[in-house]
PDB file of N, CA and C in Angstrom:
ATOM      1  N   MET A   1      92.192  68.774  96.896  1.00  0.00           N
ATOM      2  CA  MET A   1      92.180  70.017  96.234  1.00  0.00           C
ATOM      3  C   MET A   1      91.343  69.865  95.006  1.00  0.00           C
ATOM      4  N   SER A   2      90.689  70.872  94.506  1.00  0.00           N
ATOM      5  CA  SER A   2      89.781  70.917  93.341  1.00  0.00           C
ATOM      6  C   SER A   2      90.599  70.715  92.226  1.00  0.00           C
ATOM      7  N   SER A   3      89.966  70.046  91.220  1.00  0.00           N
ATOM      8  CA  SER A   3      90.859  69.850  89.891  1.00  0.00           C
ATOM      9  C   SER A   3      90.570  70.895  88.945  1.00  0.00           C
ATOM     10  N   THR A   4      89.910  71.991  89.366  1.00  0.00           N
ATOM     11  CA  THR A   4      89.676  73.122  88.628  1.00  0.00           C
ATOM     12  C   THR A   4      90.115  74.436  89.287  1.00  0.00           C
ATOM     13  N   THR A   5      90.149  75.569  88.594  1.00  0.00           N
ATOM     14  CA  THR A   5      90.672  76.718  89.260  1.00  0.00           C
ATOM     15  C   THR A   5      89.482  77.549  89.912  1.00  0.00           C
ATOM     16  N   ILE A   6      88.318  76.942  89.872  1.00  0.00           N
ATOM     17  CA  ILE A   6      87.212  77.691  90.320  1.00  0.00           C
ATOM     18  C   ILE A   6      87.088  77.305  91.971  1.00  0.00           C
ATOM     19  N   THR A   7      87.066  78.453  92.596  1.00  0.00           N
ATOM     20  CA  THR A   7      87.087  78.319  94.201  1.00  0.00           C
ATOM     21  C   THR A   7      85.607  77.731  94.537  1.00  0.00           C
ATOM     22  N   ARG A   8      85.670  76.761  95.269  1.00  0.00           N
ATOM     23  CA  ARG A   8      84.528  76.036  95.892  1.00  0.00           C
ATOM     24  C   ARG A   8      84.491  76.173  97.422  1.00  0.00           C
ATOM     25  N   GLY A   9      83.475  76.724  97.926  1.00  0.00           N
ATOM     26  CA  GLY A   9      83.200  76.727  99.394  1.00  0.00           C
ATOM     27  C   GLY A   9      84.145  77.431 100.207  1.00  0.00           C
ATOM     28  N   ASN A  10      84.794  78.319  99.519  1.00  0.00           N
ATOM     29  CA  ASN A  10      85.753  79.183 100.427  1.00  0.00           C
ATOM     30  C   ASN A  10      85.212  80.597 100.754  1.00  0.00           C
ATOM     31  N   SER A  11      85.949  81.072 101.560  1.00  0.00           N
ATOM     32  CA  SER A  11      85.537  82.489 102.170  1.00  0.00           C
ATOM     33  C   SER A  11      85.443  83.445 100.850  1.00  0.00           C
ATOM     34  N   HIS A  12      84.258  84.089 100.687  1.00  0.00           N
ATOM     35  CA  HIS A  12      84.155  85.164  99.644  1.00  0.00           C
ATOM     36  C   HIS A  12      84.883  86.459 100.185  1.00  0.00           C
ATOM     37  N   GLU A  13      84.460  86.636 101.500  1.00  0.00           N
ATOM     38  CA  GLU A  13      85.044  87.908 102.132  1.00  0.00           C
ATOM     39  C   GLU A  13      85.113  87.711 103.701  1.00  0.00           C
ATOM     40  N   THR A  14      85.915  88.362 104.359  1.00  0.00           N
ATOM     41  CA  THR A  14      86.049  88.551 105.858  1.00  0.00           C
ATOM     42  C   THR A  14      86.178  89.987 106.072  1.00  0.00           C
ATOM     43  N   PHE A  15      85.369  90.479 106.949  1.00  0.00           N
ATOM     44  CA  PHE A  15      85.454  91.828 107.445  1.00  0.00           C
ATOM     45  C   PHE A  15      85.084  91.836 108.821  1.00  0.00           C
ATOM     46  N   TYR A  16      85.516  92.934 109.515  1.00  0.00           N
ATOM     47  CA  TYR A  16      85.451  93.321 110.930  1.00  0.00           C
ATOM     48  C   TYR A  16      84.411  94.418 111.238  1.00  0.00           C
ATOM     49  N   ILE A  17      83.772  94.140 112.260  1.00  0.00           N
ATOM     50  CA  ILE A  17      82.796  95.353 112.745  1.00  0.00           C
ATOM     51  C   ILE A  17      83.125  95.505 114.226  1.00  0.00           C
ATOM     52  N   GLN A  18      82.785  96.754 114.787  1.00  0.00           N
ATOM     53  CA  GLN A  18      83.054  97.086 116.081  1.00  0.00           C
ATOM     54  C   GLN A  18      81.774  97.646 116.570  1.00  0.00           C
ATOM     55  N   PRO A  19      80.649  96.935 116.840  1.00  0.00           N
ATOM     56  CA  PRO A  19      79.497  97.452 117.526  1.00  0.00           C
ATOM     57  C   PRO A  19      79.632  97.659 118.978  1.00  0.00           C
ATOM     58  N   SER A  20      78.839  98.710 119.490  1.00  0.00           N
ATOM     59  CA  SER A  20      78.823  98.948 121.029  1.00  0.00           C
ATOM     60  C   SER A  20      77.683  98.041 121.468  1.00  0.00           C
ATOM     61  N   LEU A  21      77.965  97.112 122.381  1.00  0.00           N
ATOM     62  CA  LEU A  21      77.160  96.179 122.957  1.00  0.00           C
ATOM     63  C   LEU A  21      76.826  96.436 124.317  1.00  0.00           C
ATOM     64  N   THR A  22      75.783  96.183 124.917  1.00  0.00           N
ATOM     65  CA  THR A  22      75.344  96.311 126.296  1.00  0.00           C
ATOM     66  C   THR A  22      74.729  94.980 126.782  1.00  0.00           C
ATOM     67  N   PRO A  23      75.593  94.055 127.239  1.00  0.00           N
ATOM     68  CA  PRO A  23      75.077  92.842 127.681  1.00  0.00           C
ATOM     69  C   PRO A  23      74.366  92.978 129.072  1.00  0.00           C
ATOM     70  N   VAL A  24      73.622  91.912 129.432  1.00  0.00           N
ATOM     71  CA  VAL A  24      72.973  91.811 130.740  1.00  0.00           C
ATOM     72  C   VAL A  24      73.670  90.873 131.612  1.00  0.00           C
ATOM     73  N   SER A  25      73.188  90.755 132.915  1.00  0.00           N
ATOM     74  CA  SER A  25      73.777  89.796 133.686  1.00  0.00           C
ATOM     75  C   SER A  25      73.634  88.457 133.377  1.00  0.00           C
ATOM     76  N   VAL A  26      74.759  87.683 133.633  1.00  0.00           N
ATOM     77  CA  VAL A  26      74.805  86.312 133.551  1.00  0.00           C
ATOM     78  C   VAL A  26      75.032  85.516 134.893  1.00  0.00           C
ATOM     79  N   ALA A  27      74.092  84.674 135.259  1.00  0.00           N
ATOM     80  CA  ALA A  27      74.124  84.013 136.505  1.00  0.00           C
ATOM     81  C   ALA A  27      75.395  83.218 136.784  1.00  0.00           C
ATOM     82  N   ALA A  28      75.536  83.007 138.041  1.00  0.00           N
ATOM     83  CA  ALA A  28      76.928  82.293 138.432  1.00  0.00           C
ATOM     84  C   ALA A  28      77.036  80.831 137.770  1.00  0.00           C
ATOM     85  N   ASN A  29      78.253  80.637 137.414  1.00  0.00           N
ATOM     86  CA  ASN A  29      78.622  79.259 136.993  1.00  0.00           C
ATOM     87  C   ASN A  29      77.732  78.694 135.881  1.00  0.00           C
ATOM     88  N   THR A  30      77.380  79.508 134.849  1.00  0.00           N
ATOM     89  CA  THR A  30      76.456  79.268 133.790  1.00  0.00           C
ATOM     90  C   THR A  30      76.921  79.957 132.512  1.00  0.00           C
ATOM     91  N   THR A  31      76.130  79.669 131.480  1.00  0.00           N
ATOM     92  CA  THR A  31      76.204  80.464 130.259  1.00  0.00           C
ATOM     93  C   THR A  31      74.879  81.018 129.945  1.00  0.00           C
ATOM     94  N   ALA A  32      74.910  82.130 129.071  1.00  0.00           N
ATOM     95  CA  ALA A  32      73.533  82.604 128.681  1.00  0.00           C
ATOM     96  C   ALA A  32      73.762  83.280 127.358  1.00  0.00           C
ATOM     97  N   VAL A  33      72.790  83.049 126.434  1.00  0.00           N
ATOM     98  CA  VAL A  33      72.845  83.493 125.044  1.00  0.00           C
ATOM     99  C   VAL A  33      72.099  84.968 125.124  1.00  0.00           C
ATOM    100  N   GLN A  34      72.656  85.912 124.571  1.00  0.00           N
ATOM    101  CA  GLN A  34      72.231  87.201 124.480  1.00  0.00           C
ATOM    102  C   GLN A  34      72.281  87.758 123.168  1.00  0.00           C
ATOM    103  N   THR A  35      71.223  88.484 122.657  1.00  0.00           N
ATOM    104  CA  THR A  35      71.207  88.863 121.248  1.00  0.00           C
ATOM    105  C   THR A  35      71.215  90.312 121.022  1.00  0.00           C
ATOM    106  N   PHE A  36      71.853  90.768 119.911  1.00  0.00           N
ATOM    107  CA  PHE A  36      71.993  92.029 119.614  1.00  0.00           C
ATOM    108  C   PHE A  36      71.558  92.330 118.194  1.00  0.00           C
ATOM    109  N   SER A  37      71.029  93.515 117.800  1.00  0.00           N
ATOM    110  CA  SER A  37      70.800  93.836 116.482  1.00  0.00           C
ATOM    111  C   SER A  37      71.964  94.277 115.725  1.00  0.00           C
ATOM    112  N   ILE A  38      72.382  93.745 114.663  1.00  0.00           N
ATOM    113  CA  ILE A  38      73.433  93.985 113.720  1.00  0.00           C
ATOM    114  C   ILE A  38      72.902  94.034 112.294  1.00  0.00           C
ATOM    115  N   PRO A  39      72.505  95.170 111.781  1.00  0.00           N
ATOM    116  CA  PRO A  39      71.899  95.277 110.416  1.00  0.00           C
ATOM    117  C   PRO A  39      72.897  94.720 109.501  1.00  0.00           C
ATOM    118  N   GLY A  40      72.417  93.817 108.501  1.00  0.00           N
ATOM    119  CA  GLY A  40      73.224  93.294 107.515  1.00  0.00           C
ATOM    120  C   GLY A  40      73.837  91.879 107.762  1.00  0.00           C
ATOM    121  N   LEU A  41      73.806  91.562 108.920  1.00  0.00           N
ATOM    122  CA  LEU A  41      74.328  90.186 109.335  1.00  0.00           C
ATOM    123  C   LEU A  41      73.427  89.185 108.640  1.00  0.00           C
ATOM    124  N   GLN A  42      73.954  88.131 108.183  1.00  0.00           N
ATOM    125  CA  GLN A  42      73.307  87.016 107.486  1.00  0.00           C
ATOM    126  C   GLN A  42      73.364  85.670 108.281  1.00  0.00           C
ATOM    127  N   THR A  43      72.448  84.776 108.108  1.00  0.00           N
ATOM    128  CA  THR A  43      72.347  83.532 108.850  1.00  0.00           C
ATOM    129  C   THR A  43      73.489  82.630 108.383  1.00  0.00           C
ATOM    130  N   THR A  44      73.923  82.846 107.174  1.00  0.00           N
ATOM    131  CA  THR A  44      75.094  82.013 106.671  1.00  0.00           C
ATOM    132  C   THR A  44      76.432  82.472 106.984  1.00  0.00           C
ATOM    133  N   ASP A  45      76.597  83.717 107.673  1.00  0.00           N
ATOM    134  CA  ASP A  45      77.822  84.193 108.196  1.00  0.00           C
ATOM    135  C   ASP A  45      78.410  83.448 109.120  1.00  0.00           C
ATOM    136  N   ILE A  46      79.746  83.216 109.167  1.00  0.00           N
ATOM    137  CA  ILE A  46      80.445  82.666 110.318  1.00  0.00           C
ATOM    138  C   ILE A  46      81.025  83.799 111.282  1.00  0.00           C
ATOM    139  N   VAL A  47      80.585  83.776 112.385  1.00  0.00           N
ATOM    140  CA  VAL A  47      80.741  84.852 113.250  1.00  0.00           C
ATOM    141  C   VAL A  47      81.741  84.594 114.321  1.00  0.00           C
ATOM    142  N   THR A  48      82.852  85.394 114.714  1.00  0.00           N
ATOM    143  CA  THR A  48      83.864  85.101 115.602  1.00  0.00           C
ATOM    144  C   THR A  48      83.972  86.464 116.302  1.00  0.00           C
ATOM    145  N   VAL A  49      83.570  86.433 117.667  1.00  0.00           N
ATOM    146  CA  VAL A  49      83.801  87.538 118.520  1.00  0.00           C
ATOM    147  C   VAL A  49      85.261  87.553 119.118  1.00  0.00           C
ATOM    148  N   ILE A  50      86.036  88.491 118.560  1.00  0.00           N
ATOM    149  CA  ILE A  50      87.583  88.621 118.910  1.00  0.00           C
ATOM    150  C   ILE A  50      87.628  89.004 120.382  1.00  0.00           C
ATOM    151  N   GLY A  51      86.726  89.979 120.825  1.00  0.00           N
ATOM    152  CA  GLY A  51      86.820  90.236 122.182  1.00  0.00           C
ATOM    153  C   GLY A  51      86.274  91.780 122.476  1.00  0.00           C
ATOM    154  N   TYR A  52      86.349  92.115 123.661  1.00  0.00           N
ATOM    155  CA  TYR A  52      85.924  93.404 124.079  1.00  0.00           C
ATOM    156  C   TYR A  52      87.252  94.306 123.968  1.00  0.00           C
ATOM    157  N   ASN A  53      86.898  95.558 123.386  1.00  0.00           N
ATOM    158  CA  ASN A  53      88.076  96.474 123.382  1.00  0.00           C
ATOM    159  C   ASN A  53      88.387  97.203 124.646  1.00  0.00           C
ATOM    160  N   GLY A  54      89.001  96.439 125.650  1.00  0.00           N
ATOM    161  CA  GLY A  54      89.353  96.986 127.023  1.00  0.00           C
ATOM    162  C   GLY A  54      89.470  95.866 127.889  1.00  0.00           C
ATOM    163  N   SER A  55      89.121  95.960 129.077  1.00  0.00           N
ATOM    164  CA  SER A  55      89.287  94.895 130.105  1.00  0.00           C
ATOM    165  C   SER A  55      87.885  94.442 130.422  1.00  0.00           C
ATOM    166  N   GLN A  56      87.738  93.117 130.198  1.00  0.00           N
ATOM    167  CA  GLN A  56      86.545  92.405 130.367  1.00  0.00           C
ATOM    168  C   GLN A  56      86.612  91.969 131.888  1.00  0.00           C
ATOM    169  N   ILE A  57      85.367  91.879 132.515  1.00  0.00           N
ATOM    170  CA  ILE A  57      85.228  91.416 133.817  1.00  0.00           C
ATOM    171  C   ILE A  57      85.792  90.126 134.045  1.00  0.00           C
ATOM    172  N   ALA A  58      86.672  89.849 135.025  1.00  0.00           N
ATOM    173  CA  ALA A  58      87.270  88.518 135.437  1.00  0.00           C
ATOM    174  C   ALA A  58      86.188  87.452 135.402  1.00  0.00           C
ATOM    175  N   GLY A  59      86.457  86.405 134.784  1.00  0.00           N
ATOM    176  CA  GLY A  59      85.417  85.233 134.859  1.00  0.00           C
ATOM    177  C   GLY A  59      84.456  85.068 133.673  1.00  0.00           C
ATOM    178  N   ILE A  60      84.382  86.209 132.865  1.00  0.00           N
ATOM    179  CA  ILE A  60      83.507  86.222 131.849  1.00  0.00           C
ATOM    180  C   ILE A  60      84.326  85.729 130.548  1.00  0.00           C
ATOM    181  N   VAL A  61      83.692  84.786 129.902  1.00  0.00           N
ATOM    182  CA  VAL A  61      84.283  84.327 128.613  1.00  0.00           C
ATOM    183  C   VAL A  61      83.085  84.329 127.481  1.00  0.00           C
ATOM    184  N   ILE A  62      83.591  84.367 126.400  1.00  0.00           N
ATOM    185  CA  ILE A  62      82.571  84.229 125.161  1.00  0.00           C
ATOM    186  C   ILE A  62      82.690  82.707 124.640  1.00  0.00           C
ATOM    187  N   ALA A  63      81.700  82.071 124.791  1.00  0.00           N
ATOM    188  CA  ALA A  63      81.731  80.602 124.445  1.00  0.00           C
ATOM    189  C   ALA A  63      81.424  80.342 122.966  1.00  0.00           C
ATOM    190  N   GLU A  64      80.359  81.140 122.477  1.00  0.00           N
ATOM    191  CA  GLU A  64      80.057  80.950 121.066  1.00  0.00           C
ATOM    192  C   GLU A  64      79.356  82.220 120.545  1.00  0.00           C
ATOM    193  N   ALA A  65      79.357  82.329 119.145  1.00  0.00           N
ATOM    194  CA  ALA A  65      78.749  83.455 118.543  1.00  0.00           C
ATOM    195  C   ALA A  65      78.074  82.965 117.185  1.00  0.00           C
ATOM    196  N   ASP A  66      76.976  83.344 116.968  1.00  0.00           N
ATOM    197  CA  ASP A  66      76.212  82.984 115.638  1.00  0.00           C
ATOM    198  C   ASP A  66      75.239  84.116 115.284  1.00  0.00           C
ATOM    199  N   CYS A  67      74.778  83.792 114.046  1.00  0.00           N
ATOM    200  CA  CYS A  67      73.630  84.713 113.416  1.00  0.00           C
ATOM    201  C   CYS A  67      72.543  83.605 113.124  1.00  0.00           C
ATOM    202  N   LEU A  68      71.659  83.309 114.040  1.00  0.00           N
ATOM    203  CA  LEU A  68      70.586  82.429 113.691  1.00  0.00           C
ATOM    204  C   LEU A  68      69.429  83.053 113.134  1.00  0.00           C
ATOM    205  N   ALA A  69      69.253  84.274 113.137  1.00  0.00           N
ATOM    206  CA  ALA A  69      68.189  85.064 112.426  1.00  0.00           C
ATOM    207  C   ALA A  69      68.751  86.312 111.811  1.00  0.00           C
ATOM    208  N   ALA A  70      68.276  86.728 110.599  1.00  0.00           N
ATOM    209  CA  ALA A  70      68.913  87.778 109.862  1.00  0.00           C
ATOM    210  C   ALA A  70      68.964  88.947 110.753  1.00  0.00           C
ATOM    211  N   ASN A  71      70.015  89.812 110.697  1.00  0.00           N
ATOM    212  CA  ASN A  71      70.353  90.967 111.461  1.00  0.00           C
ATOM    213  C   ASN A  71      70.465  90.899 112.881  1.00  0.00           C
ATOM    214  N   VAL A  72      70.679  89.511 113.446  1.00  0.00           N
ATOM    215  CA  VAL A  72      70.675  89.414 114.838  1.00  0.00           C
ATOM    216  C   VAL A  72      71.869  88.668 115.169  1.00  0.00           C
ATOM    217  N   LEU A  73      72.764  89.109 116.074  1.00  0.00           N
ATOM    218  CA  LEU A  73      73.903  88.494 116.578  1.00  0.00           C
ATOM    219  C   LEU A  73      73.648  87.965 117.860  1.00  0.00           C
ATOM    220  N   SER A  74      73.965  86.610 118.007  1.00  0.00           N
ATOM    221  CA  SER A  74      73.654  85.869 119.235  1.00  0.00           C
ATOM    222  C   SER A  74      75.190  85.544 119.866  1.00  0.00           C
ATOM    223  N   ILE A  75      75.351  86.020 121.095  1.00  0.00           N
ATOM    224  CA  ILE A  75      76.607  85.745 121.794  1.00  0.00           C
ATOM    225  C   ILE A  75      76.298  84.938 122.960  1.00  0.00           C
ATOM    226  N   GLN A  76      76.903  83.866 123.260  1.00  0.00           N
ATOM    227  CA  GLN A  76      76.798  83.089 124.525  1.00  0.00           C
ATOM    228  C   GLN A  76      77.929  83.466 125.427  1.00  0.00           C
ATOM    229  N   PHE A  77      77.542  84.111 126.465  1.00  0.00           N
ATOM    230  CA  PHE A  77      78.581  84.440 127.521  1.00  0.00           C
ATOM    231  C   PHE A  77      78.667  83.537 128.579  1.00  0.00           C
ATOM    232  N   GLY A  78      79.825  83.143 129.044  1.00  0.00           N
ATOM    233  CA  GLY A  78      79.942  82.334 130.152  1.00  0.00           C
ATOM    234  C   GLY A  78      80.436  82.957 131.428  1.00  0.00           C
ATOM    235  N   ASN A  79      79.917  82.643 132.629  1.00  0.00           N
ATOM    236  CA  ASN A  79      80.317  83.141 133.730  1.00  0.00           C
ATOM    237  C   ASN A  79      80.916  82.040 134.592  1.00  0.00           C
ATOM    238  N   LEU A  80      82.227  82.192 134.893  1.00  0.00           N
ATOM    239  CA  LEU A  80      83.033  81.251 135.622  1.00  0.00           C
ATOM    240  C   LEU A  80      83.102  81.593 137.084  1.00  0.00           C
ATOM    241  N   THR A  81      82.332  82.523 137.583  1.00  0.00           N
ATOM    242  CA  THR A  81      82.364  83.071 138.981  1.00  0.00           C
ATOM    243  C   THR A  81      81.515  82.424 139.933  1.00  0.00           C
ATOM    244  N   GLY A  82      81.476  82.504 141.098  1.00  0.00           N
ATOM    245  CA  GLY A  82      80.326  82.113 141.933  1.00  0.00           C
ATOM    246  C   GLY A  82      79.188  83.063 142.168  1.00  0.00           C
ATOM    247  N   SER A  83      79.203  84.177 141.343  1.00  0.00           N
ATOM    248  CA  SER A  83      78.028  85.109 141.573  1.00  0.00           C
ATOM    249  C   SER A  83      77.739  85.683 140.240  1.00  0.00           C
ATOM    250  N   GLY A  84      76.571  86.324 140.140  1.00  0.00           N
ATOM    251  CA  GLY A  84      76.090  86.883 138.862  1.00  0.00           C
ATOM    252  C   GLY A  84      76.957  88.109 138.498  1.00  0.00           C
ATOM    253  N   VAL A  85      77.204  88.062 137.157  1.00  0.00           N
ATOM    254  CA  VAL A  85      78.213  89.153 136.705  1.00  0.00           C
ATOM    255  C   VAL A  85      77.574  89.683 135.415  1.00  0.00           C
ATOM    256  N   VAL A  86      77.737  90.986 135.157  1.00  0.00           N
ATOM    257  CA  VAL A  86      77.400  91.706 133.947  1.00  0.00           C
ATOM    258  C   VAL A  86      78.639  91.766 133.146  1.00  0.00           C
ATOM    259  N   PRO A  87      78.712  91.150 131.867  1.00  0.00           N
ATOM    260  CA  PRO A  87      79.834  91.275 131.019  1.00  0.00           C
ATOM    261  C   PRO A  87      79.937  92.921 130.622  1.00  0.00           C
ATOM    262  N   THR A  88      81.189  93.414 130.565  1.00  0.00           N
ATOM    263  CA  THR A  88      81.452  94.677 130.191  1.00  0.00           C
ATOM    264  C   THR A  88      80.703  95.225 129.042  1.00  0.00           C
ATOM    265  N   ALA A  89      80.101  96.435 129.076  1.00  0.00           N
ATOM    266  CA  ALA A  89      79.474  97.003 127.877  1.00  0.00           C
ATOM    267  C   ALA A  89      80.382  97.890 127.304  1.00  0.00           C
ATOM    268  N   GLY A  90      80.257  97.961 125.809  1.00  0.00           N
ATOM    269  CA  GLY A  90      81.251  98.777 125.045  1.00  0.00           C
ATOM    270  C   GLY A  90      81.388  98.234 123.774  1.00  0.00           C
ATOM    271  N   VAL A  91      82.643  98.604 123.183  1.00  0.00           N
ATOM    272  CA  VAL A  91      82.920  98.179 121.714  1.00  0.00           C
ATOM    273  C   VAL A  91      83.518  96.880 121.726  1.00  0.00           C
ATOM    274  N   TYR A  92      82.903  95.976 120.897  1.00  0.00           N
ATOM    275  CA  TYR A  92      83.513  94.529 120.767  1.00  0.00           C
ATOM    276  C   TYR A  92      83.924  94.430 119.404  1.00  0.00           C
ATOM    277  N   THR A  93      85.024  93.800 119.153  1.00  0.00           N
ATOM    278  CA  THR A  93      85.520  93.411 117.705  1.00  0.00           C
ATOM    279  C   THR A  93      84.980  92.137 117.210  1.00  0.00           C
ATOM    280  N   ILE A  94      84.361  92.138 116.175  1.00  0.00           N
ATOM    281  CA  ILE A  94      83.813  90.863 115.677  1.00  0.00           C
ATOM    282  C   ILE A  94      84.253  90.739 114.149  1.00  0.00           C
ATOM    283  N   ALA A  95      84.669  89.510 113.923  1.00  0.00           N
ATOM    284  CA  ALA A  95      84.955  89.132 112.534  1.00  0.00           C
ATOM    285  C   ALA A  95      83.859  88.322 112.000  1.00  0.00           C
ATOM    286  N   ILE A  96      83.623  88.840 110.622  1.00  0.00           N
ATOM    287  CA  ILE A  96      82.512  88.003 109.921  1.00  0.00           C
ATOM    288  C   ILE A  96      83.008  87.533 108.583  1.00  0.00           C
ATOM    289  N   THR A  97      82.885  86.175 108.512  1.00  0.00           N
ATOM    290  CA  THR A  97      83.325  85.537 107.272  1.00  0.00           C
ATOM    291  C   THR A  97      82.123  85.020 106.575  1.00  0.00           C
ATOM    292  N   ARG A  98      82.009  85.606 105.184  1.00  0.00           N
ATOM    293  CA  ARG A  98      80.951  85.254 104.289  1.00  0.00           C
ATOM    294  C   ARG A  98      81.427  84.209 103.283  1.00  0.00           C
ATOM    295  N   LEU A  99      80.799  83.053 103.273  1.00  0.00           N
ATOM    296  CA  LEU A  99      81.262  82.115 102.224  1.00  0.00           C
ATOM    297  C   LEU A  99      80.745  82.492 100.917  1.00  0.00           C
ATOM    298  N   GLU A 100      81.383  82.016  99.969  1.00  0.00           N
ATOM    299  CA  GLU A 100      81.051  82.285  98.588  1.00  0.00           C
ATOM    300  C   GLU A 100      79.818  81.231  98.288  1.00  0.00           C
ATOM    301  N   GLY A 101      79.759  80.176  98.740  1.00  0.00           N
ATOM    302  CA  GLY A 101      78.601  79.186  98.555  1.00  0.00           C
ATOM    303  C   GLY A 101      78.518  78.291  99.836  1.00  0.00           C
ATOM    304  N   PRO A 102      77.874  77.143  99.726  1.00  0.00           N
ATOM    305  CA  PRO A 102      77.771  76.379 100.871  1.00  0.00           C
ATOM    306  C   PRO A 102      79.027  75.773 101.350  1.00  0.00           C
ATOM    307  N   ALA A 103      79.267  75.640 102.614  1.00  0.00           N
ATOM    308  CA  ALA A 103      80.544  75.187 103.184  1.00  0.00           C
ATOM    309  C   ALA A 103      80.632  73.676 102.823  1.00  0.00           C
ATOM    310  N   PRO A 104      81.813  73.255 102.418  1.00  0.00           N
ATOM    311  CA  PRO A 104      82.101  71.892 102.091  1.00  0.00           C
ATOM    312  C   PRO A 104      81.971  71.027 103.353  1.00  0.00           C
ATOM    313  N   VAL A 105      81.449  69.600 103.217  1.00  0.00           N
ATOM    314  CA  VAL A 105      81.163  68.727 104.426  1.00  0.00           C
ATOM    315  C   VAL A 105      82.411  68.325 104.910  1.00  0.00           C
ATOM    316  N   THR A 106      83.509  68.222 104.036  1.00  0.00           N
ATOM    317  CA  THR A 106      84.819  67.664 104.520  1.00  0.00           C
ATOM    318  C   THR A 106      85.937  68.554 103.786  1.00  0.00           C
ATOM    319  N   ALA A 107      87.143  68.418 104.434  1.00  0.00           N
ATOM    320  CA  ALA A 107      88.167  69.107 103.885  1.00  0.00           C
ATOM    321  C   ALA A 107      88.976  68.459 102.693  1.00  0.00           C
ATOM    322  N   VAL A 108      88.323  67.311 102.230  1.00  0.00           N
ATOM    323  CA  VAL A 108      88.898  66.634 101.137  1.00  0.00           C
ATOM    324  C   VAL A 108      88.465  67.197  99.819  1.00  0.00           C
TER     325      VAL A 108
END
């Protein structure tokens, strides 16, 4: 714990967005990164895709989400089935955590 009352490396704010996304097909038994334009997203944001607001196609999982370029959301969809599948298009709920400063290297 810090010896001062100044917050260091903690979340400045967390907010939720619900963009409408239209993913494309993911080949059988693989993962694929797909990108979507999200104005205001920053490369220092911590992105968590909570999920699709409805029923997702069986066998589709969200493996990772990032903002590697300003205003661009990258989602890695995983396809656990034996054939190509298109993840469901529609509204996804996404949590964005914006840090106050650089993240600490350790939790000490």
